[in-house]
Amino acid sequence: MFAFLKASSPIPRIDASRTDVEYRKLRWRVFAGVFIGYAAYYLIRKNFSLAIPYLIDEYGYTKADLGIVGVALSLAYGFSKFIMGNVSDRSNPKYFITLGLLGSACVSLFFGLVPGVLASIPFMVVLGALNGWFQGMGYPPGAKTMTNWFSKSERGGWWSWWNISHNLGGGLIGPLALLGLAIFGAWQSLFYLPALIAIVLAFIIFFLMRDTPESEGLPPVDEWKGEKVIEKVESAHTLSSMDIFRKYIMYNKFLWAIAIANVFVYFIRYGIIDWAPTYLKEVKHFTVDKQSWAYFLYEYAGIFGMLASGYLSDHVFKGHRAPPMLLFLVGVLIAILVYWKNPAGNPLVDNICLVAIGFLIYGPVMMIGLQAADLAPRVATGTATGLTGLFGYLLGSASAGWVMGKLVDLYGWDGGFYALIAACVLGFIFIAYTLFYKPNQA
């Protein structure tokens, strides 16, 4: 590992009279850093999707041609989230998250500014994979930072607020596309305008971020909050990447259960949103504008779902993450059944169902990463959350596109909905298994 990436060493503690003031000040700075950072990553995550219509018109590509680029990004992202998550556990998140963002921004600049790149599918596939790899460097160091600076009893609320950053960042891609067209008059600005903004934000993030409280002369967050410490705090300097995996991941059956559950949660998330426009058009006879509004409502309802699930886990279930996830999945199942069986000609009910599904499914989407962080010590947070991300993206989101499409081709839309129902049931079972988890039990 490069020397500058290594985790910071603890320094002597500051005077106790200054601890509270410094802790509160630095926590807000660090939170601002990871919030802006994760939102910035999403500015340059999916802008290729908006460029697809222009690429088809200008270069004559088929949808299948351009779909390969998206697959390359998703696969690279899934592997990177796990592999680089493991590396991030021994790194300073201040440098790690900034480096990944700058790398992703450079790839986006190549897409938009280098002649000939957009005329070559192989070039775009390579760049898409590179972007996915750099994107995988965003979530794990952010998760590590959240566990270092926020204790378990309060983490649900803070974590949910942090996670809405990706909805906000992703939601800005559309307005930025319009702004780029107005300023530059070129659709390639879809790539380079968000990239330039991300580069500026990278320097802001670098200024705001910090490593651990101990590296700032502060006590561990559990000690500062007066909470019972249930884990032995180990140093990233004394463990190798393989040590972390073997000791805290390999034999942690509850972590593997939540990772498998994430496959089904992501299948539902993307099985609904990826196919909603087609289903609403073919079966419910929605117009294009109504499809767009339904898509918007689904995504932004998720913001409130994440906040609600975080609040419930902290204040109602006292730090237990599985119960709210199970409640939300039951609600998802009911909303899917109504969405499926609601006859054509009642768009209000369909929109209500999509809002309900978006609100409810984003609770488990957010909470699985949080529970993974709870199931491993802080020194293994990046690896633990990376494992759930690997399963979710590699198996869940990828299969949502192909498996759902194949089932609909073979058995009609009923086949697709049976798969969604099965995913709800299987996700419920694997999450319910974690109810048996007790601290220090693997």
Protein backbone atom coordinates (compact mmCIF):
# COMPACT_ATOMS: atom_id res chain seq x y z
CA MET A 1 0.00 0.00 0.00
CA PHE A 2 1.20 3.53 -0.76
CA ALA A 3 2.47 5.20 2.39
CA PHE A 4 0.11 8.17 2.11
CA LEU A 5 -2.92 5.83 2.09
CA LYS A 6 -2.07 4.14 5.38
CA ALA A 7 -4.31 4.68 8.38
CA SER A 8 -3.23 7.44 10.76
CA SER A 9 -1.67 6.44 14.05
CA PRO A 10 -3.25 7.50 17.38
CA ILE A 11 -1.78 10.58 19.00
CA PRO A 12 -1.72 11.56 22.69
CA ARG A 13 -5.14 12.63 23.93
CA ILE A 14 -5.97 16.28 24.18
CA ASP A 15 -6.97 17.88 27.47
CA ALA A 16 -10.23 16.38 28.77
CA SER A 17 -11.79 19.84 29.09
CA ARG A 18 -11.60 20.27 25.31
CA THR A 19 -12.81 16.79 24.36
CA ASP A 20 -16.56 17.50 24.07
CA VAL A 21 -16.10 20.66 22.00
CA GLU A 22 -13.57 19.07 19.64
CA TYR A 23 -15.63 15.89 19.25
CA ARG A 24 -18.82 17.73 18.31
CA LYS A 25 -17.00 20.04 15.91
CA LEU A 26 -15.10 17.27 14.16
CA ARG A 27 -18.13 14.97 13.93
CA TRP A 28 -20.04 17.56 11.95
CA ARG A 29 -17.02 18.19 9.70
CA VAL A 30 -16.50 14.49 9.08
CA PHE A 31 -20.20 13.91 8.42
CA ALA A 32 -20.25 16.80 5.95
CA GLY A 33 -17.24 15.23 4.24
CA VAL A 34 -18.76 11.77 3.77
CA PHE A 35 -22.16 13.22 2.82
CA ILE A 36 -20.77 15.51 0.12
CA GLY A 37 -18.35 12.77 -0.91
CA TYR A 38 -20.96 10.09 -1.52
CA ALA A 39 -23.25 12.55 -3.31
CA ALA A 40 -20.32 13.59 -5.54
CA TYR A 41 -19.67 9.96 -6.48
CA TYR A 42 -23.24 9.69 -7.77
CA LEU A 43 -22.83 12.75 -10.00
CA ILE A 44 -20.56 10.61 -12.19
CA ARG A 45 -21.99 7.14 -11.56
CA LYS A 46 -24.91 6.94 -14.01
CA ASN A 47 -24.40 9.83 -16.45
CA PHE A 48 -23.60 7.30 -19.20
CA SER A 49 -27.27 6.22 -19.09
CA LEU A 50 -28.37 9.75 -20.10
CA ALA A 51 -25.93 9.70 -23.01
CA ILE A 52 -27.34 6.48 -24.51
CA PRO A 53 -30.01 8.14 -26.73
CA TYR A 54 -27.36 10.49 -28.20
CA LEU A 55 -24.94 7.61 -28.79
CA ILE A 56 -27.63 5.62 -30.59
CA ASP A 57 -28.55 8.58 -32.80
CA GLU A 58 -24.99 9.69 -33.60
CA TYR A 59 -23.14 6.38 -33.84
CA GLY A 60 -25.91 3.92 -34.65
CA TYR A 61 -25.27 1.65 -31.67
CA THR A 62 -27.89 -0.84 -30.56
CA LYS A 63 -29.19 -0.92 -27.00
CA ALA A 64 -27.40 -4.26 -26.53
CA ASP A 65 -24.09 -2.67 -27.62
CA LEU A 66 -24.37 0.06 -25.02
CA GLY A 67 -25.76 -2.28 -22.39
CA ILE A 68 -22.36 -4.01 -22.30
CA VAL A 69 -20.84 -0.79 -20.93
CA GLY A 70 -23.34 -0.74 -18.08
CA VAL A 71 -22.65 -4.40 -17.30
CA ALA A 72 -18.89 -3.71 -17.19
CA LEU A 73 -19.47 -0.86 -14.75
CA SER A 74 -21.74 -2.92 -12.48
CA LEU A 75 -19.43 -5.95 -12.38
CA ALA A 76 -16.33 -3.84 -11.70
CA TYR A 77 -18.22 -1.90 -9.05
CA GLY A 78 -19.33 -5.04 -7.23
CA PHE A 79 -15.83 -6.54 -7.12
CA SER A 80 -14.22 -3.22 -6.23
CA LYS A 81 -16.62 -2.57 -3.39
CA PHE A 82 -15.43 -5.79 -1.73
CA ILE A 83 -11.74 -5.78 -2.69
CA MET A 84 -11.14 -2.07 -2.21
CA GLY A 85 -13.36 -2.20 0.87
CA ASN A 86 -10.87 -4.64 2.35
CA VAL A 87 -8.00 -2.30 1.44
CA SER A 88 -9.88 0.68 2.89
CA ASP A 89 -9.96 -0.97 6.32
CA ARG A 90 -6.22 -0.35 6.58
CA SER A 91 -6.33 3.07 4.92
CA ASN A 92 -6.99 6.67 5.84
CA PRO A 93 -10.51 7.34 4.47
CA LYS A 94 -9.60 11.01 3.88
CA TYR A 95 -7.19 9.95 1.13
CA PHE A 96 -9.03 6.83 -0.02
CA ILE A 97 -12.41 8.41 -0.76
CA THR A 98 -10.78 11.43 -2.42
CA LEU A 99 -8.56 9.29 -4.65
CA GLY A 100 -11.51 7.20 -5.84
CA LEU A 101 -13.57 10.30 -6.66
CA LEU A 102 -10.72 11.90 -8.61
CA GLY A 103 -10.17 8.66 -10.52
CA SER A 104 -13.85 8.39 -11.43
CA ALA A 105 -13.91 12.06 -12.48
CA CYS A 106 -10.90 11.54 -14.77
CA VAL A 107 -12.67 8.62 -16.45
CA SER A 108 -15.73 10.81 -17.02
CA LEU A 109 -13.51 13.52 -18.54
CA PHE A 110 -12.06 10.91 -20.92
CA PHE A 111 -15.58 9.93 -21.98
CA GLY A 112 -16.52 13.50 -22.80
CA LEU A 113 -13.31 15.10 -24.07
CA VAL A 114 -11.03 12.51 -25.71
CA PRO A 115 -11.75 12.14 -29.45
CA GLY A 116 -12.63 8.65 -30.63
CA VAL A 117 -13.60 7.19 -27.26
CA LEU A 118 -17.34 7.34 -27.89
CA ALA A 119 -16.84 5.83 -31.36
CA SER A 120 -15.48 2.58 -29.88
CA ILE A 121 -17.43 0.07 -27.81
CA PRO A 122 -14.22 -1.62 -26.51
CA PHE A 123 -12.88 1.77 -25.31
CA MET A 124 -16.15 2.53 -23.58
CA VAL A 125 -16.28 -0.90 -21.94
CA VAL A 126 -12.77 -0.41 -20.52
CA LEU A 127 -13.62 3.08 -19.28
CA GLY A 128 -16.93 1.84 -17.86
CA ALA A 129 -15.10 -0.87 -15.92
CA LEU A 130 -12.52 1.65 -14.67
CA ASN A 131 -15.30 3.96 -13.55
CA GLY A 132 -16.97 1.09 -11.71
CA TRP A 133 -13.70 0.24 -9.98
CA PHE A 134 -13.10 3.80 -8.81
CA GLN A 135 -16.75 4.08 -7.77
CA GLY A 136 -16.25 1.07 -5.50
CA MET A 137 -13.82 3.18 -3.45
CA GLY A 138 -16.61 5.48 -2.21
CA TYR A 139 -18.91 3.54 0.10
CA PRO A 140 -16.47 1.43 2.22
CA PRO A 141 -14.33 4.33 3.55
CA GLY A 142 -17.53 6.29 4.16
CA ALA A 143 -18.96 3.39 6.16
CA LYS A 144 -15.70 3.05 8.08
CA THR A 145 -15.82 6.75 8.93
CA MET A 146 -19.41 6.50 10.15
CA THR A 147 -18.61 3.61 12.50
CA ASN A 148 -15.54 5.38 13.88
CA TRP A 149 -17.30 8.66 14.65
CA PHE A 150 -20.86 7.55 15.56
CA SER A 151 -21.75 4.97 18.20
CA LYS A 152 -24.11 2.07 17.65
CA SER A 153 -26.98 3.60 19.63
CA GLU A 154 -27.13 6.65 17.35
CA ARG A 155 -25.76 5.18 14.14
CA GLY A 156 -29.11 4.31 12.54
CA GLY A 157 -30.19 7.94 12.30
CA TRP A 158 -26.84 9.30 11.17
CA TRP A 159 -26.37 6.43 8.70
CA SER A 160 -29.77 7.01 7.11
CA TRP A 161 -29.04 10.73 6.67
CA TRP A 162 -25.71 9.82 5.11
CA ASN A 163 -27.35 7.38 2.68
CA ILE A 164 -29.79 9.91 1.26
CA SER A 165 -26.75 11.67 -0.21
CA HIS A 166 -26.71 9.19 -3.09
CA ASN A 167 -30.36 9.90 -3.90
CA LEU A 168 -29.63 13.62 -3.91
CA GLY A 169 -26.46 13.23 -5.97
CA GLY A 170 -28.12 10.91 -8.46
CA GLY A 171 -31.11 13.23 -8.71
CA LEU A 172 -28.87 16.11 -9.79
CA ILE A 173 -27.65 14.32 -12.91
CA GLY A 174 -30.74 15.37 -14.89
CA PRO A 175 -30.57 19.10 -14.05
CA LEU A 176 -26.80 19.11 -14.66
CA ALA A 177 -27.41 17.59 -18.10
CA LEU A 178 -29.75 20.45 -18.97
CA LEU A 179 -27.28 22.99 -17.58
CA GLY A 180 -24.42 21.50 -19.61
CA LEU A 181 -26.45 21.64 -22.81
CA ALA A 182 -27.37 25.26 -22.13
CA ILE A 183 -23.77 26.32 -21.38
CA PHE A 184 -21.75 24.24 -23.83
CA GLY A 185 -24.36 23.29 -26.43
CA ALA A 186 -22.89 19.76 -26.60
CA TRP A 187 -24.38 16.59 -25.22
CA GLN A 188 -20.86 15.39 -24.30
CA SER A 189 -21.11 17.85 -21.41
CA LEU A 190 -23.13 15.08 -19.73
CA PHE A 191 -19.70 13.67 -18.91
CA TYR A 192 -17.34 16.56 -18.37
CA LEU A 193 -19.51 19.07 -16.47
CA PRO A 194 -20.33 16.66 -13.59
CA ALA A 195 -16.69 15.53 -13.63
CA LEU A 196 -15.40 19.08 -13.19
CA ILE A 197 -17.84 19.64 -10.31
CA ALA A 198 -16.72 16.35 -8.72
CA ILE A 199 -13.07 17.42 -8.89
CA VAL A 200 -13.87 20.67 -7.07
CA LEU A 201 -15.87 18.72 -4.46
CA ALA A 202 -12.96 16.29 -4.01
CA PHE A 203 -10.81 19.10 -2.60
CA ILE A 204 -13.61 20.16 -0.25
CA ILE A 205 -13.98 16.56 0.95
CA PHE A 206 -10.24 16.29 1.53
CA PHE A 207 -10.36 19.42 3.68
CA LEU A 208 -13.32 18.16 5.75
CA MET A 209 -12.44 14.49 6.30
CA ARG A 210 -10.51 13.01 9.21
CA ASP A 211 -9.38 9.47 10.01
CA THR A 212 -10.27 8.10 13.47
CA PRO A 213 -11.04 10.07 16.63
CA GLU A 214 -7.90 8.57 18.16
CA SER A 215 -5.81 10.11 15.36
CA GLU A 216 -7.13 13.50 16.52
CA GLY A 217 -6.28 12.93 20.18
CA LEU A 218 -9.83 11.91 21.12
CA PRO A 219 -11.16 8.75 22.83
CA PRO A 220 -13.09 6.08 20.86
CA VAL A 221 -16.67 7.15 20.24
CA ASP A 222 -18.17 4.48 22.54
CA GLU A 223 -16.05 5.72 25.40
CA TRP A 224 -16.96 9.33 24.73
CA LYS A 225 -20.68 8.49 24.58
CA GLY A 226 -20.42 6.46 27.79
CA GLU A 227 -21.65 3.29 26.10
CA LYS A 228 -20.62 -0.26 26.83
CA VAL A 229 -17.80 -1.33 24.53
CA ILE A 230 -18.57 -4.81 23.23
CA GLU A 231 -15.65 -5.14 20.85
CA LYS A 232 -11.94 -5.04 21.32
CA VAL A 233 -10.71 -2.10 19.25
CA GLU A 234 -7.85 -3.34 17.08
CA SER A 235 -5.48 -1.28 15.03
CA ALA A 236 -5.39 -1.30 11.25
CA HIS A 237 -1.62 -1.15 11.61
CA THR A 238 -1.39 -4.62 13.16
CA LEU A 239 -3.72 -6.55 10.81
CA SER A 240 -3.25 -7.48 7.17
CA SER A 241 -6.12 -7.59 4.68
CA MET A 242 -6.17 -11.39 4.92
CA ASP A 243 -6.13 -11.22 8.73
CA ILE A 244 -9.24 -9.04 8.65
CA PHE A 245 -11.03 -11.37 6.24
CA ARG A 246 -10.14 -14.57 8.08
CA LYS A 247 -10.81 -13.27 11.57
CA TYR A 248 -13.96 -11.22 11.08
CA ILE A 249 -15.57 -12.18 7.76
CA MET A 250 -14.90 -15.77 6.72
CA TYR A 251 -16.65 -17.47 9.64
CA ASN A 252 -19.25 -14.81 10.43
CA LYS A 253 -22.41 -16.70 9.49
CA PHE A 254 -24.69 -13.76 10.27
CA LEU A 255 -22.72 -11.50 7.92
CA TRP A 256 -23.00 -14.06 5.13
CA ALA A 257 -26.73 -14.34 5.80
CA ILE A 258 -27.21 -10.59 5.44
CA ALA A 259 -25.08 -10.60 2.28
CA ILE A 260 -27.31 -13.27 0.74
CA ALA A 261 -30.38 -11.31 1.83
CA ASN A 262 -28.97 -8.34 -0.06
CA VAL A 263 -29.18 -10.32 -3.31
CA PHE A 264 -32.96 -10.51 -2.94
CA VAL A 265 -33.33 -6.93 -1.71
CA TYR A 266 -31.44 -5.63 -4.74
CA PHE A 267 -33.41 -7.93 -7.03
CA ILE A 268 -36.60 -6.27 -5.78
CA ARG A 269 -35.12 -2.76 -5.94
CA TYR A 270 -33.94 -3.03 -9.53
CA GLY A 271 -36.56 -5.53 -10.67
CA ILE A 272 -39.20 -2.90 -9.95
CA ILE A 273 -37.43 0.25 -11.14
CA ASP A 274 -35.72 -1.19 -14.24
CA TRP A 275 -38.93 -2.70 -15.58
CA ALA A 276 -41.49 -0.19 -14.29
CA PRO A 277 -41.50 1.99 -17.46
CA THR A 278 -42.04 -1.05 -19.72
CA TYR A 279 -44.66 -2.65 -17.46
CA LEU A 280 -46.59 0.60 -17.02
CA LYS A 281 -46.59 1.18 -20.77
CA GLU A 282 -47.53 -2.33 -21.89
CA VAL A 283 -49.97 -3.33 -19.14
CA LYS A 284 -51.19 -0.13 -17.47
CA HIS A 285 -51.06 2.02 -20.65
CA PHE A 286 -49.14 4.88 -19.04
CA THR A 287 -47.92 7.70 -21.28
CA VAL A 288 -44.24 8.71 -21.27
CA ASP A 289 -44.80 11.64 -18.92
CA LYS A 290 -46.72 9.47 -16.45
CA GLN A 291 -43.94 6.84 -16.57
CA SER A 292 -41.35 9.53 -15.78
CA TRP A 293 -43.30 10.82 -12.79
CA ALA A 294 -43.79 7.28 -11.49
CA TYR A 295 -40.01 6.69 -11.75
CA PHE A 296 -39.32 9.95 -9.91
CA LEU A 297 -41.79 9.16 -7.12
CA TYR A 298 -40.30 5.70 -6.58
CA GLU A 299 -36.73 6.97 -6.21
CA TYR A 300 -37.44 9.96 -3.98
CA ALA A 301 -39.85 8.10 -1.71
CA GLY A 302 -36.78 6.05 -0.80
CA ILE A 303 -35.24 9.06 0.98
CA PHE A 304 -38.03 9.09 3.54
CA GLY A 305 -37.96 5.30 3.83
CA MET A 306 -34.29 5.33 4.77
CA LEU A 307 -34.79 8.05 7.35
CA ALA A 308 -37.78 6.23 8.86
CA SER A 309 -35.99 2.89 9.08
CA GLY A 310 -32.94 4.50 10.70
CA TYR A 311 -35.12 6.23 13.28
CA LEU A 312 -37.02 3.03 14.07
CA SER A 313 -33.86 0.98 14.49
CA ASP A 314 -32.34 3.49 16.92
CA HIS A 315 -35.31 4.68 18.94
CA VAL A 316 -37.88 1.87 18.78
CA PHE A 317 -35.76 -1.27 18.39
CA LYS A 318 -32.77 0.06 20.41
CA GLY A 319 -30.06 -0.57 17.83
CA HIS A 320 -31.47 -3.79 16.37
CA ARG A 321 -31.56 -3.53 12.58
CA ALA A 322 -33.42 -6.71 11.56
CA PRO A 323 -36.91 -5.91 12.97
CA PRO A 324 -37.55 -2.75 10.89
CA MET A 325 -36.19 -4.49 7.80
CA LEU A 326 -38.61 -7.38 8.28
CA LEU A 327 -41.54 -4.99 8.76
CA PHE A 328 -40.59 -3.08 5.64
CA LEU A 329 -40.29 -6.27 3.56
CA VAL A 330 -43.78 -7.34 4.59
CA GLY A 331 -45.01 -3.93 3.39
CA VAL A 332 -43.09 -4.35 0.13
CA LEU A 333 -44.78 -7.70 -0.46
CA ILE A 334 -48.25 -6.22 0.07
CA ALA A 335 -47.52 -3.24 -2.20
CA ILE A 336 -46.18 -5.52 -4.97
CA LEU A 337 -49.32 -7.65 -4.83
CA VAL A 338 -51.57 -4.59 -5.12
CA TYR A 339 -49.39 -3.13 -7.91
CA TRP A 340 -49.64 -6.42 -9.81
CA LYS A 341 -53.35 -7.06 -9.34
CA ASN A 342 -54.57 -3.46 -9.73
CA PRO A 343 -56.42 -3.39 -13.06
CA ALA A 344 -55.40 -1.07 -15.88
CA GLY A 345 -57.03 2.35 -15.82
CA ASN A 346 -56.32 3.24 -12.20
CA PRO A 347 -52.98 5.12 -12.32
CA LEU A 348 -53.45 6.65 -8.86
CA VAL A 349 -53.29 3.22 -7.21
CA ASP A 350 -50.25 2.28 -9.31
CA ASN A 351 -48.42 5.46 -8.30
CA ILE A 352 -49.31 4.93 -4.64
CA CYS A 353 -47.94 1.39 -4.88
CA LEU A 354 -44.69 2.59 -6.46
CA VAL A 355 -44.29 5.24 -3.78
CA ALA A 356 -44.91 2.59 -1.12
CA ILE A 357 -42.44 0.14 -2.66
CA GLY A 358 -39.80 2.85 -3.05
CA PHE A 359 -40.32 4.03 0.52
CA LEU A 360 -40.19 0.51 1.94
CA ILE A 361 -37.47 -1.20 -0.13
CA TYR A 362 -34.91 1.56 0.47
CA GLY A 363 -35.15 0.86 4.20
CA PRO A 364 -33.56 -2.61 3.82
CA VAL A 365 -31.24 -1.31 1.07
CA MET A 366 -29.75 1.15 3.57
CA MET A 367 -30.06 -1.01 6.68
CA ILE A 368 -28.22 -4.03 5.31
CA GLY A 369 -25.03 -1.98 4.98
CA LEU A 370 -25.59 -0.64 8.49
CA GLN A 371 -26.19 -4.09 9.92
CA ALA A 372 -23.07 -5.39 8.18
CA ALA A 373 -21.12 -2.65 9.96
CA ASP A 374 -22.72 -3.70 13.26
CA LEU A 375 -21.84 -7.37 12.67
CA ALA A 376 -18.10 -6.70 12.36
CA PRO A 377 -15.65 -4.65 14.45
CA ARG A 378 -14.76 -1.19 13.21
CA VAL A 379 -11.45 -2.39 11.81
CA ALA A 380 -13.38 -4.64 9.36
CA THR A 381 -16.20 -2.26 8.40
CA GLY A 382 -15.04 -1.71 4.82
CA THR A 383 -14.69 -5.44 4.16
CA ALA A 384 -18.05 -6.28 5.77
CA THR A 385 -20.03 -3.63 3.90
CA GLY A 386 -18.09 -4.43 0.73
CA LEU A 387 -19.17 -8.06 0.96
CA THR A 388 -22.87 -7.13 1.07
CA GLY A 389 -22.31 -4.74 -1.84
CA LEU A 390 -20.59 -7.46 -3.87
CA PHE A 391 -23.56 -9.80 -3.43
CA GLY A 392 -26.13 -7.06 -4.04
CA TYR A 393 -24.64 -5.71 -7.26
CA LEU A 394 -23.06 -8.84 -8.71
CA LEU A 395 -26.02 -11.15 -8.14
CA GLY A 396 -28.99 -8.94 -7.23
CA SER A 397 -29.00 -6.01 -9.62
CA ALA A 398 -27.51 -7.98 -12.53
CA SER A 399 -30.09 -10.77 -12.24
CA ALA A 400 -32.90 -8.24 -11.90
CA GLY A 401 -32.29 -7.16 -15.48
CA TRP A 402 -31.67 -10.50 -17.17
CA VAL A 403 -33.74 -12.91 -15.02
CA MET A 404 -36.78 -10.61 -14.89
CA GLY A 405 -36.61 -10.04 -18.64
CA LYS A 406 -36.28 -13.76 -19.35
CA LEU A 407 -39.16 -14.68 -17.05
CA VAL A 408 -41.40 -12.06 -18.63
CA ASP A 409 -40.50 -13.35 -22.10
CA LEU A 410 -41.29 -16.95 -21.12
CA TYR A 411 -44.23 -16.57 -18.75
CA GLY A 412 -45.52 -13.03 -19.18
CA TRP A 413 -45.54 -10.40 -16.46
CA ASP A 414 -46.99 -12.90 -13.99
CA GLY A 415 -43.68 -14.76 -14.11
CA GLY A 416 -41.80 -11.58 -13.21
CA PHE A 417 -44.10 -10.84 -10.28
CA TYR A 418 -43.79 -14.38 -8.93
CA ALA A 419 -40.00 -13.84 -8.89
CA LEU A 420 -40.42 -10.57 -6.98
CA ILE A 421 -42.67 -12.28 -4.43
CA ALA A 422 -40.16 -15.11 -4.02
CA ALA A 423 -37.41 -12.52 -3.47
CA CYS A 424 -39.47 -10.89 -0.71
CA VAL A 425 -39.93 -14.22 1.06
CA LEU A 426 -36.28 -15.30 0.73
CA GLY A 427 -34.98 -11.89 1.79
CA PHE A 428 -37.25 -12.06 4.85
CA ILE A 429 -35.92 -15.52 5.81
CA PHE A 430 -32.23 -14.58 5.60
CA ILE A 431 -32.72 -11.30 7.47
CA ALA A 432 -34.80 -13.08 10.13
CA TYR A 433 -31.89 -15.43 10.75
CA THR A 434 -29.84 -12.49 12.05
CA LEU A 435 -32.36 -12.06 14.89
CA PHE A 436 -30.38 -14.82 16.63
CA TYR A 437 -27.18 -12.73 16.58
CA LYS A 438 -25.65 -11.81 19.92
CA PRO A 439 -22.62 -9.50 20.27
CA ASN A 440 -19.28 -11.33 20.00
CA GLN A 441 -21.04 -14.30 18.36
CA ALA A 442 -19.87 -15.38 14.91
